Amino acid sequence: MATGNVEQIKERLSIEEVVGQYVELKPAGSSLKGRCPFHPEKTPSFMVSPARQTYHCFGCGVGGDIFTFIQEIEGLDFKGALTLLADKAGVTLMFEKGKGEKDTTDTLYAILEAATSFYEEALTHTPRAQEYLVKRGLKDATIHDFRIGFAPDAWDALLTHLKEKGFTEKDIESAGLIKAGGKGMYDRFRSRIMFPITDSVGRVVAFTGRIFEKQDDPSGKYINSPETALYHKSKILYGYDRARQAIRKRNFSVLVEGQMDLIATHQAGYTNTVALSGTALTQEHLTLLGRMSQNLCIALDADTAGIKSAGKSAQAALRAGFDVKIVALPEGTDPADMLAAGAVDTWKEQVRTAKHVIDFLLEYHRKQAKDDRTFKLSVQKEVLPYLHDIENEIDKSHFIQRVAAQLCVSEEAVRQELSKLKSATPNTGITSHAQSSKEKDTSRAAEEELVLMYLWQESLPKPLVDLQALEKQIEEALTPLGYQALRERLAKNREAAFIFEALYYDEESMKHAIHELLDRLTKKELRKEVEAASIALRKAESEGDEEQVAEYEQKYQALLTRLRQLDNHL
C-alpha cells in the first residue's frame, strides 16, 4: 500500500472535521472538547487537538489520529478505515504490488466476496427461491441491491468452487463457510436463502442463511456465520452501513429483528432501519447507533413474547441515554409481512406515532390487567425497571409523574419504589476510572510536568517557546542524565499534552508556567541543601568546632533567606 495514501488523506481531512461528524465539539483553549463516543459520560472529557491532529479521552484513555478514530468508532481494521476516509477525502487509493505476502484478512475478504457472488449466481438458477422472495414482497432491484443469494442443497458445492478459485480449506474454514464432519469438510450453509452481512464500509464479513424447502433441518430456521477474525456479532448490526447516513439525517433509528424485516423497510423508504442477527442488542451496537442519533424506535409484535424479546434491548438503550419508542405492530405480524401486504402507509403512520416505551408499557399492562390492583402490581414489577433506567433526570421526572397519575399514588411513592431498585444497579466503574486518572494528573511531580511540557511543545508545528533554551534549563534543573531518563519514561504520555493545551494556549501563560515549575524545582533542591546544612551545623556544634559552626551557620541562614524569598515569590 502506498504511504502517499495516508499523507494525502491527512492533508485533505482535519481531525476536527472527521471527529466532528460523530461528536459535538466545543472550544477549550486551543483544543476542542466533547463527550466521549467510546464510553458513557455526563461531563465531557474527550479532547481534540487541531494543532497536533490527535484526540484523547481522559475518561477511558483512548487516543490517536483520524485513522485510529475511524477504526475504533466504526469497528474497522486499518484498511477499512483507509477506504472510508479515502472516500470522504476524494482520494483514489493506490496499492503497491509484489511486496510481501498477502494479508490474511485480505484473503478472508476475498473468500467471502467470492462466496457472495457464488450464492448470487446460484439464486438465478433457483426459480423457487426467487418466487419465494417475490412472494415476500421483494422487488428484483432490491434482491440485487442487497446481494441476496442461494446456497445449493449440496454437500460441498461452495467448497469445491472456492478451491477452484485457489483458496485453501484452512482459509475457507477461517472465513466461517465450511466445517469438519465425519467425511471431511463440508459447506456450512446448504439449501438456504443467503443474506450477506457487511461491515461499516460494505465489505462482506458473514452470512445469515434462511432454511428453504428443508423444514426438518435440525440446525434451525436461521443460522449465522460463526465468530471469525472479521465477524463479531456483538459489534455488527445488519444494514448499518446502508442506514447510518439516513439515521443521522432523520435523527432516529428503527430496530427490527431479522434480514427480511430490514430489507422490506429499506425498500419502503425507511433506510434508517437496522436489524439484529440472532443476538441481543449489545453496548457495542448502541455505541454505533448513538454516534448517529440517540433516538431509537423498536419494532416488535404487540404480544407478550414480542414485548419480552424487546425488553432487554429497550432497557439497554435507556441506560445508554437513548430516547426509546416502541412501534407496536398487530399481533402475529412483522414489518416484512405488513409491507408485503401493501400496508406501507400503515407502517409509516405507526412509526410516526410510536410511543415512548414507558407510555407503551403502561397502556399494554392496563389492557392486560383484570383489575386495578393487578395493574398496579404489573407496573411495579414490569414498568418501574424501565423507568429506573432512564438516564436523563428531567425525562425520568416527567415519567414519574405519568406513572404516579396512572397508579393514583403520590410521586414520592413512585420514587421510593425506584430507590429500592437502585441498590441492585451494578457500578460500571467508569467514574472511578476517570477519578483515578484525574488524581494521577494532579499529583504529578514538577519534574514530570516540566518534561511533559517540553515534549508537548516539541510535538507542535510552531512551539510557543524556545525549545533549545527550555531543554537547557531542564537539564540544569534535573541534570542531563535525569532529564533523558524522564524523557524516555514519559515519551508516550498523551494525556499531558491535552491538559497543557487547555491551560496554556499563548506564549505568556506558557512562559509563566515554565518559570513557576523551575522555581518549584529550585525550591525542592534548596530544601535539601537547607537540611544538609542544618545537619552539618549540628555536627559542628557537637564537636565544638567554632570555625565550622560559623561557616555552616552563615551558609544555613543564606539558604533559608533564598528559600523564604522563593516562597514569597510563589
Protein backbone atom coordinates (compact mmCIF):
# COMPACT_ATOMS: atom_id res chain seq x y z
CA MET A 1 0.00 0.00 0.00
CA ALA A 2 1.47 3.35 -0.98
CA THR A 3 2.34 5.53 2.03
CA GLY A 4 1.20 8.50 -0.04
CA ASN A 5 -2.41 7.40 0.52
CA VAL A 6 -2.20 8.22 4.22
CA GLU A 7 -0.49 11.57 3.74
CA GLN A 8 -2.93 12.64 1.02
CA ILE A 9 -5.91 11.87 3.24
CA LYS A 10 -4.37 13.71 6.22
CA GLU A 11 -3.76 16.74 4.02
CA ARG A 12 -7.42 16.85 2.95
CA LEU A 13 -9.18 15.86 6.18
CA SER A 14 -8.65 17.54 9.55
CA ILE A 15 -9.14 15.76 12.87
CA GLU A 16 -11.88 18.22 13.87
CA GLU A 17 -13.73 17.59 10.60
CA VAL A 18 -13.65 13.80 10.98
CA VAL A 19 -14.42 13.64 14.71
CA GLY A 20 -17.00 16.41 14.39
CA GLN A 21 -19.21 14.12 12.31
CA TYR A 22 -19.63 11.89 15.36
CA VAL A 23 -19.07 14.17 18.37
CA GLU A 24 -20.35 17.66 19.16
CA LEU A 25 -17.16 19.64 19.83
CA LYS A 26 -16.77 22.96 21.65
CA PRO A 27 -13.68 25.18 22.11
CA ALA A 28 -11.50 24.52 25.17
CA GLY A 29 -8.43 26.74 24.96
CA SER A 30 -6.61 25.85 21.76
CA SER A 31 -8.26 22.41 21.83
CA LEU A 32 -11.82 21.17 21.34
CA LYS A 33 -13.85 19.25 23.90
CA GLY A 34 -16.87 16.92 23.75
CA ARG A 35 -18.48 13.83 25.25
CA CYS A 36 -16.51 10.69 24.52
CA PRO A 37 -18.18 8.47 21.88
CA PHE A 38 -16.43 5.39 23.27
CA HIS A 39 -17.91 5.29 26.78
CA PRO A 40 -20.92 6.83 28.57
CA GLU A 41 -20.17 10.10 30.38
CA LYS A 42 -22.05 13.16 31.57
CA THR A 43 -19.07 15.53 31.86
CA PRO A 44 -17.09 15.97 28.62
CA SER A 45 -13.58 14.54 28.88
CA PHE A 46 -12.85 13.91 25.19
CA MET A 47 -10.28 16.36 23.76
CA VAL A 48 -9.31 17.05 20.15
CA SER A 49 -6.14 18.91 19.22
CA PRO A 50 -6.24 20.69 15.84
CA ALA A 51 -2.57 21.63 16.24
CA ARG A 52 -1.37 18.02 16.58
CA GLN A 53 -4.28 16.41 14.69
CA THR A 54 -4.91 13.96 17.53
CA TYR A 55 -7.59 13.14 20.12
CA HIS A 56 -7.57 11.79 23.68
CA CYS A 57 -10.19 10.88 26.28
CA PHE A 58 -9.30 11.37 29.94
CA GLY A 59 -12.17 9.10 30.98
CA CYS A 60 -11.31 5.87 29.15
CA GLY A 61 -7.80 6.60 27.86
CA VAL A 62 -8.37 6.16 24.11
CA GLY A 63 -6.47 8.37 21.72
CA GLY A 64 -4.85 8.63 18.30
CA ASP A 65 -5.33 10.24 14.87
CA ILE A 66 -8.12 10.20 12.27
CA PHE A 67 -7.33 6.62 11.27
CA THR A 68 -7.43 5.15 14.77
CA PHE A 69 -10.59 7.17 15.47
CA ILE A 70 -12.41 5.68 12.46
CA GLN A 71 -11.10 2.21 13.28
CA GLU A 72 -12.50 2.44 16.81
CA ILE A 73 -15.76 4.20 16.07
CA GLU A 74 -16.69 2.11 13.02
CA GLY A 75 -15.19 -1.17 14.22
CA LEU A 76 -12.88 -1.43 11.20
CA ASP A 77 -9.34 -2.58 10.55
CA PHE A 78 -6.80 -0.08 9.22
CA LYS A 79 -7.60 -0.84 5.57
CA GLY A 80 -11.30 -0.38 6.23
CA ALA A 81 -10.64 2.98 7.88
CA LEU A 82 -8.36 3.94 4.99
CA THR A 83 -11.08 3.08 2.48
CA LEU A 84 -13.74 5.06 4.34
CA LEU A 85 -11.54 8.14 4.81
CA ALA A 86 -10.28 8.00 1.22
CA ASP A 87 -13.88 8.15 0.07
CA LYS A 88 -14.55 11.17 2.31
CA ALA A 89 -11.39 12.90 1.10
CA GLY A 90 -11.88 12.11 -2.58
CA VAL A 91 -8.55 10.24 -2.71
CA THR A 92 -8.09 7.33 -5.13
CA LEU A 93 -6.22 4.60 -3.28
CA MET A 94 -3.04 3.28 -4.90
CA PHE A 95 -1.66 -0.06 -3.75
CA GLU A 96 1.89 -1.33 -4.17
CA LYS A 97 2.22 -4.74 -5.76
CA GLY A 98 4.64 -7.57 -5.17
CA LYS A 99 5.80 -6.63 -1.69
CA GLY A 100 5.40 -9.39 0.88
CA GLU A 101 2.66 -11.94 1.35
CA LYS A 102 -0.98 -11.06 1.05
CA ASP A 103 -2.55 -10.09 4.36
CA THR A 104 -4.67 -12.82 5.98
CA THR A 105 -7.66 -10.51 6.33
CA ASP A 106 -7.43 -9.66 2.63
CA THR A 107 -7.72 -13.37 1.88
CA LEU A 108 -10.78 -13.73 4.13
CA TYR A 109 -12.47 -10.75 2.48
CA ALA A 110 -11.71 -12.20 -0.96
CA ILE A 111 -13.19 -15.58 0.04
CA LEU A 112 -16.37 -14.01 1.39
CA GLU A 113 -16.75 -11.85 -1.72
CA ALA A 114 -16.31 -14.91 -3.94
CA ALA A 115 -18.87 -16.80 -1.85
CA THR A 116 -21.36 -13.93 -2.19
CA SER A 117 -21.01 -13.97 -5.96
CA PHE A 118 -21.40 -17.77 -5.97
CA TYR A 119 -24.63 -17.56 -3.94
CA GLU A 120 -25.98 -14.74 -6.16
CA GLU A 121 -25.36 -16.80 -9.26
CA ALA A 122 -26.95 -19.88 -7.67
CA LEU A 123 -30.12 -17.88 -6.93
CA THR A 124 -30.56 -17.09 -10.64
CA HIS A 125 -30.75 -20.87 -11.23
CA THR A 126 -33.25 -21.49 -8.43
CA PRO A 127 -36.66 -20.20 -9.58
CA ARG A 128 -38.48 -21.46 -6.48
CA ALA A 129 -36.27 -19.39 -4.19
CA GLN A 130 -36.78 -16.35 -6.43
CA GLU A 131 -40.53 -16.86 -6.30
CA TYR A 132 -40.41 -17.07 -2.52
CA LEU A 133 -38.59 -13.72 -2.26
CA VAL A 134 -41.04 -12.05 -4.64
CA LYS A 135 -43.94 -13.50 -2.68
CA ARG A 136 -42.44 -11.91 0.45
CA GLY A 137 -42.73 -8.57 -1.33
CA LEU A 138 -39.16 -8.01 -2.52
CA LYS A 139 -38.51 -6.44 -5.90
CA ASP A 140 -35.82 -7.70 -8.27
CA ALA A 141 -33.84 -4.50 -7.80
CA THR A 142 -33.93 -4.93 -4.02
CA ILE A 143 -32.80 -8.55 -4.26
CA HIS A 144 -29.91 -7.45 -6.45
CA ASP A 145 -29.04 -4.43 -4.26
CA PHE A 146 -28.83 -6.49 -1.06
CA ARG A 147 -26.98 -9.25 -2.92
CA ILE A 148 -29.35 -11.97 -1.72
CA GLY A 149 -28.29 -15.42 -2.91
CA PHE A 150 -28.92 -19.11 -2.50
CA ALA A 151 -26.78 -21.94 -1.08
CA PRO A 152 -27.39 -25.08 -3.16
CA ASP A 153 -28.58 -28.27 -1.49
CA ALA A 154 -25.23 -29.97 -1.98
CA TRP A 155 -22.59 -31.28 0.38
CA ASP A 156 -19.62 -29.23 -0.85
CA ALA A 157 -20.72 -27.04 -3.77
CA LEU A 158 -19.25 -23.84 -2.33
CA LEU A 159 -16.12 -25.57 -1.03
CA THR A 160 -15.39 -27.03 -4.48
CA HIS A 161 -16.00 -23.65 -6.16
CA LEU A 162 -13.69 -21.77 -3.78
CA LYS A 163 -10.91 -24.35 -4.04
CA GLU A 164 -11.08 -23.99 -7.82
CA LYS A 165 -10.54 -20.27 -7.26
CA GLY A 166 -7.28 -21.11 -5.47
CA PHE A 167 -8.36 -20.72 -1.84
CA THR A 168 -7.25 -23.27 0.76
CA GLU A 169 -9.57 -25.29 3.01
CA LYS A 170 -7.91 -23.70 6.04
CA ASP A 171 -8.72 -20.15 4.89
CA ILE A 172 -12.25 -21.10 3.80
CA GLU A 173 -12.86 -22.57 7.25
CA SER A 174 -11.41 -19.41 8.86
CA ALA A 175 -13.98 -17.41 6.89
CA GLY A 176 -16.73 -19.46 8.58
CA LEU A 177 -18.05 -21.09 5.39
CA ILE A 178 -17.22 -24.76 5.95
CA LYS A 179 -16.85 -27.10 8.90
CA ALA A 180 -15.45 -30.54 9.59
CA GLY A 181 -17.58 -33.68 9.53
CA GLY A 182 -17.05 -37.42 9.59
CA LYS A 183 -16.30 -37.43 5.85
CA GLY A 184 -14.19 -34.31 5.79
CA MET A 185 -15.01 -30.65 5.24
CA TYR A 186 -18.47 -29.63 4.01
CA ASP A 187 -20.48 -26.45 3.37
CA ARG A 188 -21.91 -24.81 6.49
CA PHE A 189 -24.87 -23.38 4.50
CA ARG A 190 -26.94 -25.73 2.34
CA SER A 191 -30.43 -25.25 0.83
CA ARG A 192 -30.71 -21.78 2.31
CA ILE A 193 -31.52 -18.27 1.10
CA MET A 194 -28.38 -16.30 1.82
CA PHE A 195 -28.13 -12.75 3.20
CA PRO A 196 -24.61 -11.23 3.23
CA ILE A 197 -23.73 -9.32 6.41
CA THR A 198 -21.44 -6.35 5.81
CA ASP A 199 -19.24 -4.13 7.96
CA SER A 200 -19.39 -0.33 8.18
CA VAL A 201 -17.82 0.16 4.75
CA GLY A 202 -19.89 -2.50 2.99
CA ARG A 203 -17.44 -5.40 2.93
CA VAL A 204 -19.00 -8.86 3.37
CA VAL A 205 -17.89 -10.36 6.70
CA ALA A 206 -20.50 -13.08 7.32
CA PHE A 207 -23.85 -14.56 6.25
CA THR A 208 -27.27 -15.38 7.56
CA GLY A 209 -28.92 -18.35 5.90
CA ARG A 210 -32.70 -18.93 5.95
CA ILE A 211 -33.86 -22.53 5.51
CA PHE A 212 -35.63 -23.22 2.22
CA GLU A 213 -37.67 -26.34 1.41
CA LYS A 214 -35.97 -28.38 4.15
CA GLN A 215 -38.09 -27.55 7.16
CA ASP A 216 -36.81 -30.56 9.13
CA ASP A 217 -33.25 -29.21 9.23
CA PRO A 218 -32.12 -29.61 12.89
CA SER A 219 -29.85 -26.55 12.67
CA GLY A 220 -32.87 -24.23 12.72
CA LYS A 221 -34.79 -21.81 10.53
CA TYR A 222 -31.94 -19.29 10.52
CA ILE A 223 -28.24 -19.87 11.04
CA ASN A 224 -25.47 -17.31 11.10
CA SER A 225 -21.77 -17.48 10.38
CA PRO A 226 -19.66 -18.28 13.44
CA GLU A 227 -17.42 -15.67 15.05
CA THR A 228 -14.35 -15.11 12.89
CA ALA A 229 -11.46 -12.68 12.64
CA LEU A 230 -13.78 -10.42 10.59
CA TYR A 231 -17.16 -11.08 12.19
CA HIS A 232 -18.13 -10.32 15.78
CA LYS A 233 -21.91 -10.40 16.07
CA SER A 234 -21.91 -8.19 19.16
CA LYS A 235 -20.32 -5.39 17.12
CA ILE A 236 -22.17 -5.55 13.79
CA LEU A 237 -25.76 -4.55 13.01
CA TYR A 238 -27.24 -5.81 9.77
CA GLY A 239 -27.75 -2.91 7.38
CA TYR A 240 -25.80 -0.36 9.44
CA ASP A 241 -23.53 0.57 6.53
CA ARG A 242 -26.62 1.48 4.47
CA ALA A 243 -28.54 3.10 7.32
CA ARG A 244 -26.10 5.34 9.15
CA GLN A 245 -26.42 8.43 6.97
CA ALA A 246 -30.22 8.17 6.98
CA ILE A 247 -30.15 7.78 10.78
CA ARG A 248 -28.13 10.96 11.10
CA LYS A 249 -30.39 12.82 8.65
CA ARG A 250 -33.70 11.70 10.23
CA ASN A 251 -32.28 11.79 13.77
CA PHE A 252 -33.63 8.37 14.75
CA SER A 253 -33.07 4.71 14.01
CA VAL A 254 -35.56 1.86 13.71
CA LEU A 255 -34.55 -1.52 15.11
CA VAL A 256 -36.14 -4.67 13.69
CA GLU A 257 -35.34 -8.35 14.09
CA GLY A 258 -34.15 -10.20 11.03
CA GLN A 259 -32.96 -9.59 7.49
CA MET A 260 -36.35 -9.77 5.75
CA ASP A 261 -37.78 -7.05 8.00
CA LEU A 262 -34.83 -4.79 7.34
CA ILE A 263 -34.83 -5.27 3.57
CA ALA A 264 -38.60 -4.70 3.38
CA THR A 265 -38.40 -1.46 5.38
CA HIS A 266 -35.49 -0.15 3.30
CA GLN A 267 -37.45 -0.96 0.16
CA ALA A 268 -40.36 1.05 1.60
CA GLY A 269 -38.11 4.08 2.08
CA TYR A 270 -37.20 3.62 5.75
CA THR A 271 -33.47 3.45 5.11
CA ASN A 272 -32.72 4.37 8.73
CA THR A 273 -33.54 0.80 9.81
CA VAL A 274 -31.04 -1.70 11.25
CA ALA A 275 -31.54 -5.30 12.34
CA LEU A 276 -30.25 -7.78 14.88
CA SER A 277 -28.91 -11.10 13.59
CA GLY A 278 -29.54 -13.75 16.19
CA THR A 279 -28.22 -11.76 19.14
CA ALA A 280 -29.46 -9.30 21.76
CA LEU A 281 -28.78 -5.59 21.40
CA THR A 282 -25.30 -5.02 22.85
CA GLN A 283 -23.45 -1.99 24.18
CA GLU A 284 -21.32 -2.05 21.02
CA HIS A 285 -24.49 -1.90 18.89
CA LEU A 286 -25.76 1.05 20.93
CA THR A 287 -22.44 2.82 20.56
CA LEU A 288 -22.74 2.51 16.77
CA LEU A 289 -26.30 3.87 16.78
CA GLY A 290 -25.60 6.56 19.35
CA ARG A 291 -22.97 8.14 17.14
CA MET A 292 -25.68 8.89 14.60
CA SER A 293 -28.65 9.60 16.90
CA GLN A 294 -29.79 8.99 20.47
CA ASN A 295 -33.36 8.35 19.33
CA LEU A 296 -34.41 4.72 18.81
CA CYS A 297 -37.66 3.07 17.70
CA ILE A 298 -38.01 -0.66 18.34
CA ALA A 299 -40.49 -2.51 16.14
CA LEU A 300 -41.99 -5.64 17.69
CA ASP A 301 -45.05 -7.83 17.75
CA ALA A 302 -47.62 -6.45 20.20
CA ASP A 303 -47.81 -9.66 22.23
CA THR A 304 -46.17 -10.98 25.38
CA ALA A 305 -43.35 -12.74 23.52
CA GLY A 306 -42.62 -9.68 21.41
CA ILE A 307 -42.51 -7.36 24.40
CA LYS A 308 -40.25 -9.73 26.29
CA SER A 309 -37.81 -10.03 23.38
CA ALA A 310 -37.63 -6.23 23.04
CA GLY A 311 -37.43 -5.58 26.78
CA LYS A 312 -33.70 -6.11 27.17
CA SER A 313 -32.97 -4.01 24.11
CA ALA A 314 -35.13 -1.15 25.40
CA GLN A 315 -33.54 -1.22 28.86
CA ALA A 316 -30.01 -1.34 27.48
CA ALA A 317 -30.81 1.64 25.24
CA LEU A 318 -32.33 3.61 28.13
CA ARG A 319 -29.21 3.00 30.23
CA ALA A 320 -27.10 4.33 27.36
CA GLY A 321 -29.10 7.57 27.33
CA PHE A 322 -31.35 6.83 24.36
CA ASP A 323 -34.91 8.06 23.97
CA VAL A 324 -36.69 4.77 23.26
CA LYS A 325 -40.03 4.40 21.49
CA ILE A 326 -42.00 1.31 20.54
CA VAL A 327 -43.55 0.69 17.14
CA ALA A 328 -46.41 -1.68 18.03
CA LEU A 329 -47.45 -3.96 15.19
CA PRO A 330 -50.63 -6.04 15.03
CA GLU A 331 -50.25 -9.35 16.83
CA GLY A 332 -48.76 -12.08 14.66
CA THR A 333 -47.28 -9.76 12.02
CA ASP A 334 -43.84 -8.34 11.37
CA PRO A 335 -42.70 -5.38 9.21
CA ALA A 336 -41.98 -7.63 6.24
CA ASP A 337 -45.48 -9.19 6.35
CA MET A 338 -47.16 -5.82 6.69
CA LEU A 339 -45.22 -4.23 3.86
CA ALA A 340 -45.63 -7.28 1.60
CA ALA A 341 -49.38 -6.88 2.03
CA GLY A 342 -49.11 -3.32 0.72
CA ALA A 343 -49.66 -1.57 4.06
CA VAL A 344 -46.83 0.94 3.53
CA ASP A 345 -48.89 3.91 4.74
CA THR A 346 -49.93 1.99 7.85
CA TRP A 347 -46.30 1.18 8.64
CA LYS A 348 -45.25 4.81 8.21
CA GLU A 349 -48.07 6.00 10.46
CA GLN A 350 -47.15 3.52 13.16
CA VAL A 351 -43.53 4.68 13.10
CA ARG A 352 -44.66 8.31 13.18
CA THR A 353 -46.93 7.71 16.19
CA ALA A 354 -44.59 5.37 18.07
CA LYS A 355 -45.00 5.69 21.84
CA HIS A 356 -42.29 6.13 24.42
CA VAL A 357 -41.51 2.76 25.99
CA ILE A 358 -43.00 3.85 29.36
CA ASP A 359 -46.26 5.04 27.78
CA PHE A 360 -46.43 1.88 25.67
CA LEU A 361 -45.95 -0.41 28.68
CA LEU A 362 -48.47 1.47 30.79
CA GLU A 363 -51.05 1.14 28.03
CA TYR A 364 -50.23 -2.53 27.44
CA HIS A 365 -50.46 -3.55 31.10
CA ARG A 366 -53.67 -1.55 31.56
CA LYS A 367 -55.27 -3.63 28.80
CA GLN A 368 -53.92 -6.90 30.19
CA ALA A 369 -54.86 -6.31 33.85
CA LYS A 370 -58.04 -7.85 35.26
CA ASP A 371 -58.47 -5.18 37.92
CA ASP A 372 -56.84 -2.05 39.33
CA ARG A 373 -54.67 -3.87 41.86
CA THR A 374 -53.31 -6.27 39.23
CA PHE A 375 -52.45 -3.29 37.06
CA LYS A 376 -50.54 -1.58 39.88
CA LEU A 377 -48.58 -4.72 40.67
CA SER A 378 -47.74 -5.21 36.98
CA VAL A 379 -46.50 -1.64 36.74
CA GLN A 380 -44.36 -2.10 39.86
CA LYS A 381 -42.81 -5.28 38.50
CA GLU A 382 -42.66 -4.67 34.75
CA VAL A 383 -42.55 -0.90 34.20
CA LEU A 384 -40.54 0.60 37.06
CA PRO A 385 -37.28 -1.13 35.97
CA TYR A 386 -37.55 0.73 32.65
CA LEU A 387 -38.29 3.99 34.44
CA HIS A 388 -35.28 3.44 36.67
CA ASP A 389 -33.01 3.03 33.64
CA ILE A 390 -33.87 6.41 32.08
CA GLU A 391 -30.61 8.36 32.26
CA ASN A 392 -31.98 11.89 31.80
CA GLU A 393 -33.26 13.11 35.18
CA ILE A 394 -35.70 15.60 33.66
CA ASP A 395 -37.17 12.90 31.44
CA LYS A 396 -37.28 10.50 34.37
CA SER A 397 -39.15 13.07 36.48
CA HIS A 398 -41.68 13.52 33.65
CA PHE A 399 -42.45 9.80 33.55
CA ILE A 400 -42.54 9.51 37.32
CA GLN A 401 -45.44 11.97 37.15
CA ARG A 402 -47.10 9.87 34.42
CA VAL A 403 -46.75 6.63 36.36
CA ALA A 404 -47.96 8.23 39.60
CA ALA A 405 -51.03 9.59 37.80
CA GLN A 406 -51.79 6.18 36.26
CA LEU A 407 -51.48 4.45 39.63
CA CYS A 408 -53.32 7.20 41.55
CA VAL A 409 -50.45 7.47 44.03
CA SER A 410 -48.02 10.22 45.00
CA GLU A 411 -44.83 10.86 43.08
CA GLU A 412 -42.95 10.24 46.32
CA ALA A 413 -44.35 6.70 46.47
CA VAL A 414 -43.03 6.02 42.97
CA ARG A 415 -39.63 7.49 43.86
CA GLN A 416 -39.42 5.30 46.96
CA GLU A 417 -40.03 2.18 44.89
CA LEU A 418 -37.42 3.33 42.38
CA SER A 419 -34.89 3.84 45.20
CA LYS A 420 -35.24 0.16 46.09
CA LEU A 421 -34.14 -0.73 42.57
CA LYS A 422 -31.08 1.49 42.72
CA SER A 423 -29.35 -0.70 45.30
CA ALA A 424 -29.31 -3.53 42.75
CA THR A 425 -27.76 -1.42 39.98
CA PRO A 426 -24.18 -2.51 39.19
CA ASN A 427 -21.39 0.03 39.31
CA THR A 428 -19.82 0.41 35.87
CA GLY A 429 -16.51 1.67 37.27
CA ILE A 430 -16.30 4.41 34.67
CA THR A 431 -16.41 7.23 37.21
CA SER A 432 -13.83 5.63 39.45
CA HIS A 433 -11.52 5.12 36.45
CA ALA A 434 -11.84 8.75 35.41
CA GLN A 435 -11.36 9.89 39.00
CA SER A 436 -8.21 7.81 39.45
CA SER A 437 -6.87 9.25 36.20
CA LYS A 438 -7.60 12.77 37.44
CA GLU A 439 -5.93 12.11 40.78
CA LYS A 440 -2.87 10.82 38.99
CA ASP A 441 -2.70 14.02 36.90
CA THR A 442 -2.98 16.37 39.88
CA SER A 443 -0.27 14.53 41.84
CA ARG A 444 2.30 14.68 39.05
CA ALA A 445 5.67 15.99 40.23
CA ALA A 446 7.16 19.23 38.95
CA GLU A 447 9.95 17.34 37.17
CA GLU A 448 7.42 15.29 35.19
CA GLU A 449 5.31 18.32 34.36
CA LEU A 450 8.30 20.22 33.03
CA VAL A 451 9.47 17.34 30.81
CA LEU A 452 5.93 16.64 29.60
CA MET A 453 5.53 20.31 28.78
CA TYR A 454 8.71 20.18 26.71
CA LEU A 455 7.52 17.05 24.88
CA TRP A 456 4.21 18.77 24.13
CA GLN A 457 5.91 21.86 22.70
CA GLU A 458 8.26 19.65 20.70
CA SER A 459 5.23 17.98 19.03
CA LEU A 460 3.77 21.28 17.81
CA PRO A 461 4.46 22.68 14.32
CA LYS A 462 5.01 26.11 15.92
CA PRO A 463 6.21 25.87 19.55
CA LEU A 464 5.31 28.73 21.89
CA VAL A 465 8.79 28.80 23.48
CA ASP A 466 12.45 28.44 22.54
CA LEU A 467 12.89 24.66 22.74
CA GLN A 468 16.69 24.77 22.89
CA ALA A 469 16.67 27.21 25.80
CA LEU A 470 13.96 25.25 27.63
CA GLU A 471 15.85 21.98 27.25
CA LYS A 472 18.99 23.60 28.67
CA GLN A 473 17.02 24.89 31.68
CA ILE A 474 15.56 21.44 32.33
CA GLU A 475 18.99 19.79 32.10
CA GLU A 476 20.36 22.30 34.62
CA ALA A 477 17.48 21.56 36.99
CA LEU A 478 17.44 17.76 36.59
CA THR A 479 20.97 17.02 35.26
CA PRO A 480 21.28 15.76 31.65
CA LEU A 481 21.08 12.12 32.78
CA GLY A 482 17.95 12.73 34.88
CA TYR A 483 16.30 14.63 32.04
CA GLN A 484 16.93 11.85 29.49
CA ALA A 485 15.63 9.18 31.87
CA LEU A 486 12.39 11.11 32.46
CA ARG A 487 12.03 11.91 28.77
CA GLU A 488 12.22 8.23 27.82
CA ARG A 489 9.72 7.22 30.51
CA LEU A 490 7.16 9.91 29.63
CA ALA A 491 7.54 9.93 25.83
CA LYS A 492 4.29 8.01 25.23
CA ASN A 493 2.13 10.03 27.63
CA ARG A 494 -0.74 11.52 25.59
CA GLU A 495 -2.87 12.92 28.37
CA ALA A 496 -0.48 15.67 29.45
CA ALA A 497 -0.41 17.39 26.07
CA PHE A 498 -4.17 17.86 26.17
CA ILE A 499 -4.08 19.16 29.74
CA PHE A 500 -1.38 21.70 28.90
CA GLU A 501 -3.07 22.64 25.65
CA ALA A 502 -6.25 23.53 27.52
CA LEU A 503 -4.32 25.56 30.14
CA TYR A 504 -1.52 27.24 28.21
CA TYR A 505 -2.56 28.42 24.79
CA ASP A 506 -0.47 31.58 24.45
CA GLU A 507 3.19 32.47 24.89
CA GLU A 508 2.73 34.49 28.07
CA SER A 509 0.86 31.78 30.01
CA MET A 510 3.32 29.17 28.76
CA LYS A 511 6.42 31.11 29.92
CA HIS A 512 4.80 31.85 33.28
CA ALA A 513 4.08 28.13 33.78
CA ILE A 514 7.66 27.15 32.90
CA HIS A 515 9.06 29.78 35.24
CA GLU A 516 6.83 28.54 38.05
CA LEU A 517 7.85 24.92 37.51
CA LEU A 518 11.53 25.81 37.51
CA ASP A 519 11.01 27.78 40.73
CA ARG A 520 9.31 24.75 42.27
CA LEU A 521 12.30 22.58 41.34
CA THR A 522 14.73 25.17 42.71
CA LYS A 523 12.72 25.29 45.94
CA LYS A 524 12.84 21.50 46.21
CA GLU A 525 16.62 21.47 45.82
CA LEU A 526 17.01 24.35 48.31
CA ARG A 527 15.12 22.39 50.95
CA LYS A 528 17.57 19.52 50.50
CA GLU A 529 20.51 21.92 50.88
CA VAL A 530 18.95 23.56 53.96
CA GLU A 531 18.50 20.15 55.56
CA ALA A 532 22.11 19.17 54.74
CA ALA A 533 23.44 22.47 56.15
CA SER A 534 21.36 22.00 59.31
CA ILE A 535 22.83 18.52 59.87
CA ALA A 536 26.37 19.81 59.27
CA LEU A 537 25.78 22.72 61.66
CA ARG A 538 24.55 20.43 64.46
CA LYS A 539 27.54 18.14 63.97
CA ALA A 540 29.99 21.07 64.13
CA GLU A 541 28.29 22.32 67.33
CA SER A 542 28.54 18.88 68.95
CA GLU A 543 32.25 18.69 68.09
CA GLY A 544 32.90 22.24 69.43
CA ASP A 545 34.45 23.40 66.16
CA GLU A 546 33.65 27.15 66.33
CA GLU A 547 35.15 27.91 62.90
CA GLN A 548 32.96 25.22 61.25
CA VAL A 549 29.94 26.38 63.26
CA ALA A 550 30.32 29.94 61.97
CA GLU A 551 30.77 28.73 58.38
CA TYR A 552 27.73 26.42 58.44
CA GLU A 553 25.61 28.97 60.31
CA GLN A 554 26.29 31.55 57.59
CA LYS A 555 25.51 29.00 54.83
CA TYR A 556 22.36 27.81 56.62
CA GLN A 557 21.00 31.37 57.03
CA ALA A 558 21.77 32.26 53.40
CA LEU A 559 19.88 29.20 52.17
CA LEU A 560 16.91 29.98 54.44
CA THR A 561 16.81 33.56 53.08
CA ARG A 562 16.74 32.27 49.48
CA LEU A 563 14.03 29.77 50.36
CA ARG A 564 11.84 32.45 52.02
CA GLN A 565 12.31 34.75 49.01
CA LEU A 566 11.22 31.91 46.71
CA ASP A 567 8.22 31.15 48.97
CA ASN A 568 7.15 34.80 48.83
CA HIS A 569 7.62 34.83 45.05
CA LEU A 570 5.47 31.72 44.60
